[in-house]
All heavy atoms as atom14 arrays in JSON, in Angstrom:
{
  "sequence": "AASGRSFSSYSMGWFRQAPGKEREFVAAISWSGGNTYYAD",
  "atom14_mask": [
    [1, 1, 1, 1, 1, 0, 0, 0, 0, 0, 0, 0, 0, 0],
    [1, 1, 1, 1, 1, 0, 0, 0, 0, 0, 0, 0, 0, 0],
    [1, 1, 1, 1, 1, 1, 0, 0, 0, 0, 0, 0, 0, 0],
    [1, 1, 1, 1, 0, 0, 0, 0, 0, 0, 0, 0, 0, 0],
    [1, 1, 1, 1, 1, 1, 1, 1, 1, 1, 1, 0, 0, 0],
    [1, 1, 1, 1, 1, 1, 0, 0, 0, 0, 0, 0, 0, 0],
    [1, 1, 1, 1, 1, 1, 1, 1, 1, 1, 1, 0, 0, 0],
    [1, 1, 1, 1, 1, 1, 0, 0, 0, 0, 0, 0, 0, 0],
    [1, 1, 1, 1, 1, 1, 0, 0, 0, 0, 0, 0, 0, 0],
    [1, 1, 1, 1, 1, 1, 1, 1, 1, 1, 1, 1, 0, 0],
    [1, 1, 1, 1, 1, 1, 0, 0, 0, 0, 0, 0, 0, 0],
    [1, 1, 1, 1, 1, 1, 1, 1, 0, 0, 0, 0, 0, 0],
    [1, 1, 1, 1, 0, 0, 0, 0, 0, 0, 0, 0, 0, 0],
    [1, 1, 1, 1, 1, 1, 1, 1, 1, 1, 1, 1, 1, 1],
    [1, 1, 1, 1, 1, 1, 1, 1, 1, 1, 1, 0, 0, 0],
    [1, 1, 1, 1, 1, 1, 1, 1, 1, 1, 1, 0, 0, 0],
    [1, 1, 1, 1, 1, 1, 1, 1, 1, 0, 0, 0, 0, 0],
    [1, 1, 1, 1, 1, 0, 0, 0, 0, 0, 0, 0, 0, 0],
    [1, 1, 1, 1, 1, 1, 1, 0, 0, 0, 0, 0, 0, 0],
    [1, 1, 1, 1, 0, 0, 0, 0, 0, 0, 0, 0, 0, 0],
    [1, 1, 1, 1, 1, 1, 1, 1, 1, 0, 0, 0, 0, 0],
    [1, 1, 1, 1, 1, 1, 1, 1, 1, 0, 0, 0, 0, 0],
    [1, 1, 1, 1, 1, 1, 1, 1, 1, 1, 1, 0, 0, 0],
    [1, 1, 1, 1, 1, 1, 1, 1, 1, 0, 0, 0, 0, 0],
    [1, 1, 1, 1, 1, 1, 1, 1, 1, 1, 1, 0, 0, 0],
    [1, 1, 1, 1, 1, 1, 1, 0, 0, 0, 0, 0, 0, 0],
    [1, 1, 1, 1, 1, 0, 0, 0, 0, 0, 0, 0, 0, 0],
    [1, 1, 1, 1, 1, 0, 0, 0, 0, 0, 0, 0, 0, 0],
    [1, 1, 1, 1, 1, 1, 1, 1, 0, 0, 0, 0, 0, 0],
    [1, 1, 1, 1, 1, 1, 0, 0, 0, 0, 0, 0, 0, 0],
    [1, 1, 1, 1, 1, 1, 1, 1, 1, 1, 1, 1, 1, 1],
    [1, 1, 1, 1, 1, 1, 0, 0, 0, 0, 0, 0, 0, 0],
    [1, 1, 1, 1, 0, 0, 0, 0, 0, 0, 0, 0, 0, 0],
    [1, 1, 1, 1, 0, 0, 0, 0, 0, 0, 0, 0, 0, 0],
    [1, 1, 1, 1, 1, 1, 1, 1, 0, 0, 0, 0, 0, 0],
    [1, 1, 1, 1, 1, 1, 1, 0, 0, 0, 0, 0, 0, 0],
    [1, 1, 1, 1, 1, 1, 1, 1, 1, 1, 1, 1, 0, 0],
    [1, 1, 1, 1, 1, 1, 1, 1, 1, 1, 1, 1, 0, 0],
    [1, 1, 1, 1, 1, 0, 0, 0, 0, 0, 0, 0, 0, 0],
    [1, 1, 1, 1, 1, 1, 1, 1, 0, 0, 0, 0, 0, 0]
  ],
  "atom14_positions": [
    [[-12.77, 3.65, -17.11], [-13.31, 4.96, -16.59], [-13.53, 4.63, -15.17], [-14.08, 3.71, -14.7], [-14.57, 5.13, -17.31], [0.0, 0.0, 0.0], [0.0, 0.0, 0.0], [0.0, 0.0, 0.0], [0.0, 0.0, 0.0], [0.0, 0.0, 0.0], [0.0, 0.0, 0.0], [0.0, 0.0, 0.0], [0.0, 0.0, 0.0], [0.0, 0.0, 0.0]],
    [[-13.13, 5.68, -14.29], [-13.16, 5.59, -12.84], [-14.15, 6.74, -12.43], [-14.14, 7.83, -12.92], [-11.68, 5.95, -12.24], [0.0, 0.0, 0.0], [0.0, 0.0, 0.0], [0.0, 0.0, 0.0], [0.0, 0.0, 0.0], [0.0, 0.0, 0.0], [0.0, 0.0, 0.0], [0.0, 0.0, 0.0], [0.0, 0.0, 0.0], [0.0, 0.0, 0.0]],
    [[-14.82, 6.28, -11.3], [-15.67, 7.28, -10.65], [-14.75, 7.83, -9.42], [-13.62, 7.29, -9.21], [-16.82, 6.7, -9.96], [-16.56, 5.61, -9.11], [0.0, 0.0, 0.0], [0.0, 0.0, 0.0], [0.0, 0.0, 0.0], [0.0, 0.0, 0.0], [0.0, 0.0, 0.0], [0.0, 0.0, 0.0], [0.0, 0.0, 0.0], [0.0, 0.0, 0.0]],
    [[-15.16, 8.83, -8.79], [-14.54, 9.31, -7.63], [-13.82, 10.58, -7.86], [-13.38, 10.82, -9.05], [0.0, 0.0, 0.0], [0.0, 0.0, 0.0], [0.0, 0.0, 0.0], [0.0, 0.0, 0.0], [0.0, 0.0, 0.0], [0.0, 0.0, 0.0], [0.0, 0.0, 0.0], [0.0, 0.0, 0.0], [0.0, 0.0, 0.0], [0.0, 0.0, 0.0]],
    [[-13.55, 11.33, -6.84], [-12.88, 12.69, -6.87], [-11.34, 12.5, -6.62], [-10.62, 13.58, -6.76], [-13.56, 13.69, -6.06], [-14.99, 13.82, -6.32], [-15.59, 14.77, -5.25], [-17.1, 14.82, -5.5], [-18.03, 15.54, -4.77], [-17.58, 16.05, -3.57], [-19.15, 15.58, -5.13], [0.0, 0.0, 0.0], [0.0, 0.0, 0.0], [0.0, 0.0, 0.0]],
    [[-10.85, 11.34, -6.17], [-9.42, 11.32, -5.96], [-8.68, 10.46, -7.04], [-7.45, 10.06, -6.67], [-9.37, 10.55, -4.56], [-9.87, 11.46, -3.6], [0.0, 0.0, 0.0], [0.0, 0.0, 0.0], [0.0, 0.0, 0.0], [0.0, 0.0, 0.0], [0.0, 0.0, 0.0], [0.0, 0.0, 0.0], [0.0, 0.0, 0.0], [0.0, 0.0, 0.0]],
    [[-9.25, 10.4, -8.12], [-8.61, 9.6, -9.15], [-7.2, 9.94, -9.4], [-6.26, 9.08, -9.67], [-9.34, 9.56, -10.47], [-8.8, 8.87, -11.63], [-8.81, 7.53, -11.77], [-8.11, 9.61, -12.66], [-8.3, 6.78, -12.87], [-7.46, 8.95, -13.58], [-7.6, 7.55, -13.75], [0.0, 0.0, 0.0], [0.0, 0.0, 0.0], [0.0, 0.0, 0.0]],
    [[-6.95, 11.2, -9.58], [-5.6, 11.69, -9.81], [-4.58, 11.27, -8.9], [-3.35, 11.43, -9.08], [-5.65, 13.22, -9.93], [-6.05, 13.91, -8.77], [0.0, 0.0, 0.0], [0.0, 0.0, 0.0], [0.0, 0.0, 0.0], [0.0, 0.0, 0.0], [0.0, 0.0, 0.0], [0.0, 0.0, 0.0], [0.0, 0.0, 0.0], [0.0, 0.0, 0.0]],
    [[-4.91, 10.93, -7.65], [-3.97, 10.49, -6.58], [-3.7, 8.93, -6.56], [-2.94, 8.44, -5.81], [-4.49, 10.93, -5.18], [-5.57, 10.22, -4.77], [0.0, 0.0, 0.0], [0.0, 0.0, 0.0], [0.0, 0.0, 0.0], [0.0, 0.0, 0.0], [0.0, 0.0, 0.0], [0.0, 0.0, 0.0], [0.0, 0.0, 0.0], [0.0, 0.0, 0.0]],
    [[-4.53, 8.13, -7.45], [-4.24, 6.8, -7.49], [-3.22, 6.34, -8.54], [-3.1, 6.88, -9.57], [-5.58, 6.18, -7.87], [-6.84, 6.34, -7.09], [-8.09, 6.39, -7.56], [-6.67, 6.65, -5.78], [-9.16, 6.53, -6.84], [-7.77, 7.01, -5.12], [-9.01, 6.92, -5.52], [-10.27, 7.1, -4.87], [0.0, 0.0, 0.0], [0.0, 0.0, 0.0]],
    [[-2.45, 5.4, -8.25], [-1.73, 4.54, -9.08], [-2.69, 3.57, -9.88], [-3.68, 3.19, -9.2], [-0.63, 3.81, -8.51], [0.47, 4.85, -8.15], [0.0, 0.0, 0.0], [0.0, 0.0, 0.0], [0.0, 0.0, 0.0], [0.0, 0.0, 0.0], [0.0, 0.0, 0.0], [0.0, 0.0, 0.0], [0.0, 0.0, 0.0], [0.0, 0.0, 0.0]],
    [[-2.45, 3.34, -11.01], [-3.39, 2.51, -11.78], [-2.6, 1.38, -12.4], [-1.53, 1.55, -12.98], [-4.16, 3.28, -12.88], [-4.92, 4.37, -12.3], [-6.27, 3.91, -11.28], [-7.4, 3.15, -12.41], [0.0, 0.0, 0.0], [0.0, 0.0, 0.0], [0.0, 0.0, 0.0], [0.0, 0.0, 0.0], [0.0, 0.0, 0.0], [0.0, 0.0, 0.0]],
    [[-3.36, 0.26, -12.63], [-2.7, -1.0, -13.22], [-3.74, -1.61, -14.02], [-4.87, -1.54, -13.92], [0.0, 0.0, 0.0], [0.0, 0.0, 0.0], [0.0, 0.0, 0.0], [0.0, 0.0, 0.0], [0.0, 0.0, 0.0], [0.0, 0.0, 0.0], [0.0, 0.0, 0.0], [0.0, 0.0, 0.0], [0.0, 0.0, 0.0], [0.0, 0.0, 0.0]],
    [[-3.02, -2.42, -15.08], [-3.81, -3.33, -15.92], [-3.25, -4.79, -15.57], [-2.06, -4.98, -15.59], [-3.72, -3.03, -17.25], [-4.45, -1.82, -17.88], [-3.95, -0.62, -17.97], [-5.85, -1.92, -18.14], [-5.05, 0.22, -18.48], [-6.04, -0.59, -18.6], [-6.7, -2.77, -18.29], [-7.39, -0.11, -19.01], [-8.03, -2.51, -18.7], [-8.35, -1.2, -19.1]],
    [[-4.19, -5.67, -15.37], [-3.92, -7.13, -15.26], [-4.72, -7.9, -16.16], [-5.66, -7.45, -16.72], [-4.18, -7.58, -13.8], [-3.3, -7.07, -12.71], [-3.34, -5.71, -12.31], [-2.14, -7.88, -12.24], [-2.54, -5.2, -11.43], [-1.36, -7.31, -11.29], [-1.47, -6.12, -10.88], [0.0, 0.0, 0.0], [0.0, 0.0, 0.0], [0.0, 0.0, 0.0]],
    [[-4.33, -9.16, -16.44], [-5.09, -9.91, -17.39], [-5.06, -11.44, -16.77], [-4.22, -11.8, -16.07], [-4.6, -10.02, -18.67], [-3.17, -10.6, -18.94], [-2.7, -10.31, -20.3], [-1.32, -10.93, -20.52], [-0.58, -10.73, -21.69], [-1.03, -10.0, -22.62], [0.5, -11.38, -21.76], [0.0, 0.0, 0.0], [0.0, 0.0, 0.0], [0.0, 0.0, 0.0]],
    [[-6.19, -12.1, -17.11], [-6.25, -13.47, -16.7], [-6.94, -14.32, -17.86], [-8.03, -13.99, -18.17], [-7.15, -13.57, -15.35], [-7.21, -14.87, -14.81], [-7.75, -14.87, -13.4], [-8.47, -13.92, -13.04], [-7.4, -15.8, -12.53], [0.0, 0.0, 0.0], [0.0, 0.0, 0.0], [0.0, 0.0, 0.0], [0.0, 0.0, 0.0], [0.0, 0.0, 0.0]],
    [[-6.26, -15.36, -18.12], [-6.72, -16.4, -19.07], [-7.47, -17.44, -18.26], [-7.0, -17.76, -17.15], [-5.6, -16.92, -19.91], [0.0, 0.0, 0.0], [0.0, 0.0, 0.0], [0.0, 0.0, 0.0], [0.0, 0.0, 0.0], [0.0, 0.0, 0.0], [0.0, 0.0, 0.0], [0.0, 0.0, 0.0], [0.0, 0.0, 0.0], [0.0, 0.0, 0.0]],
    [[-8.3, -18.32, -18.88], [-9.04, -19.31, -18.16], [-8.07, -20.38, -17.66], [-7.22, -20.72, -18.22], [-9.91, -19.93, -19.36], [-10.07, -18.77, -20.25], [-8.86, -18.12, -20.24], [0.0, 0.0, 0.0], [0.0, 0.0, 0.0], [0.0, 0.0, 0.0], [0.0, 0.0, 0.0], [0.0, 0.0, 0.0], [0.0, 0.0, 0.0], [0.0, 0.0, 0.0]],
    [[-8.21, -20.63, -16.32], [-7.41, -21.6, -15.68], [-6.07, -21.09, -15.24], [-5.21, -21.98, -14.74], [0.0, 0.0, 0.0], [0.0, 0.0, 0.0], [0.0, 0.0, 0.0], [0.0, 0.0, 0.0], [0.0, 0.0, 0.0], [0.0, 0.0, 0.0], [0.0, 0.0, 0.0], [0.0, 0.0, 0.0], [0.0, 0.0, 0.0], [0.0, 0.0, 0.0]],
    [[-5.72, -19.83, -15.58], [-4.47, -19.32, -15.21], [-4.49, -18.22, -14.15], [-5.7, -17.6, -13.96], [-3.81, -18.85, -16.47], [-3.5, -19.87, -17.39], [-2.62, -19.38, -18.54], [-2.25, -20.41, -19.54], [-1.52, -19.84, -20.72], [0.0, 0.0, 0.0], [0.0, 0.0, 0.0], [0.0, 0.0, 0.0], [0.0, 0.0, 0.0], [0.0, 0.0, 0.0]],
    [[-3.43, -17.97, -13.54], [-3.41, -16.95, -12.56], [-3.44, -15.52, -13.1], [-2.9, -15.24, -14.24], [-2.12, -17.03, -11.6], [-2.18, -16.36, -10.33], [-1.09, -16.89, -9.35], [-1.29, -17.98, -8.75], [-0.21, -16.18, -9.22], [0.0, 0.0, 0.0], [0.0, 0.0, 0.0], [0.0, 0.0, 0.0], [0.0, 0.0, 0.0], [0.0, 0.0, 0.0]],
    [[-3.94, -14.65, -12.41], [-3.94, -13.17, -12.85], [-2.47, -12.71, -13.02], [-1.58, -13.0, -12.21], [-4.6, -12.31, -11.69], [-4.76, -10.95, -12.12], [-5.71, -10.2, -11.11], [-5.93, -10.87, -9.85], [-6.7, -10.69, -8.76], [-7.5, -9.59, -9.07], [-6.83, -11.4, -7.74], [0.0, 0.0, 0.0], [0.0, 0.0, 0.0], [0.0, 0.0, 0.0]],
    [[-2.27, -12.03, -14.17], [-0.92, -11.58, -14.49], [-0.86, -10.18, -14.7], [-1.77, -9.47, -15.31], [-0.57, -12.38, -15.94], [0.73, -11.99, -16.48], [0.83, -12.45, -17.84], [-0.18, -12.9, -18.5], [2.1, -12.53, -18.4], [0.0, 0.0, 0.0], [0.0, 0.0, 0.0], [0.0, 0.0, 0.0], [0.0, 0.0, 0.0], [0.0, 0.0, 0.0]],
    [[0.22, -9.59, -14.12], [0.39, -8.17, -14.4], [0.78, -7.89, -15.84], [1.41, -8.54, -16.43], [1.64, -7.73, -13.45], [2.11, -6.37, -13.72], [1.45, -5.21, -13.25], [3.32, -6.09, -14.48], [1.84, -3.94, -13.47], [3.8, -4.92, -14.74], [3.01, -3.8, -14.36], [0.0, 0.0, 0.0], [0.0, 0.0, 0.0], [0.0, 0.0, 0.0]],
    [[0.11, -6.77, -16.18], [0.39, -6.31, -17.61], [1.11, -4.89, -17.64], [2.22, -4.69, -18.34], [-0.89, -6.05, -18.45], [-0.63, -5.55, -19.87], [-1.6, -7.5, -18.48], [0.0, 0.0, 0.0], [0.0, 0.0, 0.0], [0.0, 0.0, 0.0], [0.0, 0.0, 0.0], [0.0, 0.0, 0.0], [0.0, 0.0, 0.0], [0.0, 0.0, 0.0]],
    [[0.53, -3.82, -17.02], [1.15, -2.57, -17.03], [0.71, -1.73, -15.81], [-0.4, -2.02, -15.36], [0.9, -1.84, -18.33], [0.0, 0.0, 0.0], [0.0, 0.0, 0.0], [0.0, 0.0, 0.0], [0.0, 0.0, 0.0], [0.0, 0.0, 0.0], [0.0, 0.0, 0.0], [0.0, 0.0, 0.0], [0.0, 0.0, 0.0], [0.0, 0.0, 0.0]],
    [[1.35, -0.7, -15.49], [0.97, 0.09, -14.35], [1.49, 1.64, -14.61], [2.49, 1.7, -15.37], [1.51, -0.27, -12.98], [0.0, 0.0, 0.0], [0.0, 0.0, 0.0], [0.0, 0.0, 0.0], [0.0, 0.0, 0.0], [0.0, 0.0, 0.0], [0.0, 0.0, 0.0], [0.0, 0.0, 0.0], [0.0, 0.0, 0.0], [0.0, 0.0, 0.0]],
    [[0.8, 2.46, -13.92], [1.16, 3.94, -14.09], [0.96, 4.74, -12.75], [0.01, 4.49, -12.0], [0.4, 4.65, -15.25], [0.93, 5.86, -15.65], [-1.07, 4.57, -14.95], [0.49, 6.55, -16.97], [0.0, 0.0, 0.0], [0.0, 0.0, 0.0], [0.0, 0.0, 0.0], [0.0, 0.0, 0.0], [0.0, 0.0, 0.0], [0.0, 0.0, 0.0]],
    [[2.02, 5.49, -12.53], [1.87, 6.32, -11.24], [0.82, 7.33, -11.26], [0.3, 7.61, -12.31], [3.19, 6.89, -10.86], [3.59, 7.88, -11.97], [0.0, 0.0, 0.0], [0.0, 0.0, 0.0], [0.0, 0.0, 0.0], [0.0, 0.0, 0.0], [0.0, 0.0, 0.0], [0.0, 0.0, 0.0], [0.0, 0.0, 0.0], [0.0, 0.0, 0.0]],
    [[0.46, 7.91, -10.16], [-0.41, 8.9, -10.04], [-0.31, 10.12, -11.05], [-1.28, 10.75, -11.65], [-0.67, 9.46, -8.66], [0.35, 10.19, -8.21], [1.52, 9.99, -7.47], [0.47, 11.71, -8.26], [2.4, 10.89, -7.27], [1.8, 12.09, -7.72], [-0.23, 12.78, -8.89], [2.16, 13.49, -7.58], [0.15, 14.08, -8.87], [1.42, 14.41, -8.19]],
    [[0.97, 10.47, -11.35], [1.21, 11.59, -12.09], [1.51, 11.32, -13.53], [1.47, 12.05, -14.43], [2.49, 12.32, -11.63], [3.64, 11.5, -11.71], [0.0, 0.0, 0.0], [0.0, 0.0, 0.0], [0.0, 0.0, 0.0], [0.0, 0.0, 0.0], [0.0, 0.0, 0.0], [0.0, 0.0, 0.0], [0.0, 0.0, 0.0], [0.0, 0.0, 0.0]],
    [[1.58, 9.95, -13.79], [1.81, 9.37, -15.11], [3.23, 9.44, -15.5], [3.67, 9.08, -16.54], [0.0, 0.0, 0.0], [0.0, 0.0, 0.0], [0.0, 0.0, 0.0], [0.0, 0.0, 0.0], [0.0, 0.0, 0.0], [0.0, 0.0, 0.0], [0.0, 0.0, 0.0], [0.0, 0.0, 0.0], [0.0, 0.0, 0.0], [0.0, 0.0, 0.0]],
    [[4.04, 10.0, -14.59], [5.47, 10.06, -14.86], [6.37, 8.71, -14.88], [7.41, 8.72, -15.3], [0.0, 0.0, 0.0], [0.0, 0.0, 0.0], [0.0, 0.0, 0.0], [0.0, 0.0, 0.0], [0.0, 0.0, 0.0], [0.0, 0.0, 0.0], [0.0, 0.0, 0.0], [0.0, 0.0, 0.0], [0.0, 0.0, 0.0], [0.0, 0.0, 0.0]],
    [[5.7, 7.72, -14.24], [6.35, 6.47, -14.14], [5.38, 5.3, -14.62], [4.29, 5.23, -14.36], [6.72, 6.09, -12.72], [7.71, 7.06, -12.14], [7.34, 8.01, -11.5], [8.98, 6.85, -12.42], [0.0, 0.0, 0.0], [0.0, 0.0, 0.0], [0.0, 0.0, 0.0], [0.0, 0.0, 0.0], [0.0, 0.0, 0.0], [0.0, 0.0, 0.0]],
    [[5.92, 4.52, -15.48], [5.21, 3.42, -16.1], [5.99, 2.12, -15.96], [7.23, 2.14, -16.03], [4.85, 3.62, -17.65], [6.14, 3.86, -18.37], [3.82, 4.96, -17.77], [0.0, 0.0, 0.0], [0.0, 0.0, 0.0], [0.0, 0.0, 0.0], [0.0, 0.0, 0.0], [0.0, 0.0, 0.0], [0.0, 0.0, 0.0], [0.0, 0.0, 0.0]],
    [[5.22, 0.99, -15.92], [5.87, -0.3, -15.73], [5.13, -1.3, -16.65], [3.92, -1.09, -16.81], [5.76, -0.67, -14.28], [6.13, 0.35, -13.32], [5.21, 1.28, -12.82], [7.46, 0.43, -12.78], [5.67, 2.36, -12.05], [7.83, 1.37, -12.02], [6.97, 2.4, -11.59], [7.3, 3.42, -10.67], [0.0, 0.0, 0.0], [0.0, 0.0, 0.0]],
    [[5.9, -2.13, -17.13], [5.41, -3.29, -17.89], [5.87, -4.58, -17.71], [7.0, -4.68, -17.38], [5.71, -2.88, -19.53], [5.05, -1.53, -19.95], [5.77, -0.36, -19.89], [3.77, -1.57, -20.54], [5.24, 0.91, -20.32], [3.35, -0.25, -20.93], [4.0, 0.91, -20.81], [3.49, 2.11, -21.21], [0.0, 0.0, 0.0], [0.0, 0.0, 0.0]],
    [[5.12, -5.64, -18.02], [5.44, -6.92, -18.02], [6.42, -7.05, -19.27], [6.19, -6.46, -20.22], [4.32, -7.82, -18.03], [0.0, 0.0, 0.0], [0.0, 0.0, 0.0], [0.0, 0.0, 0.0], [0.0, 0.0, 0.0], [0.0, 0.0, 0.0], [0.0, 0.0, 0.0], [0.0, 0.0, 0.0], [0.0, 0.0, 0.0], [0.0, 0.0, 0.0]],
    [[7.44, -8.02, -19.03], [8.28, -8.28, -20.2], [7.71, -8.74, -21.37], [8.13, -8.38, -22.61], [9.38, -9.36, -19.72], [10.37, -8.73, -18.76], [10.56, -7.51, -18.56], [10.99, -9.58, -18.13], [0.0, 0.0, 0.0], [0.0, 0.0, 0.0], [0.0, 0.0, 0.0], [0.0, 0.0, 0.0], [0.0, 0.0, 0.0], [0.0, 0.0, 0.0]]
  ]
}
């Protein structure tokens, strides 16, 4: 859940991090929702 009035203009992503490991990309979505990206 995001605050702010410009949320619709943001691209959004999900990352994850396990203990002792580097932050890892999981998924992302463009501002319109028309483009999505996923880690293999």
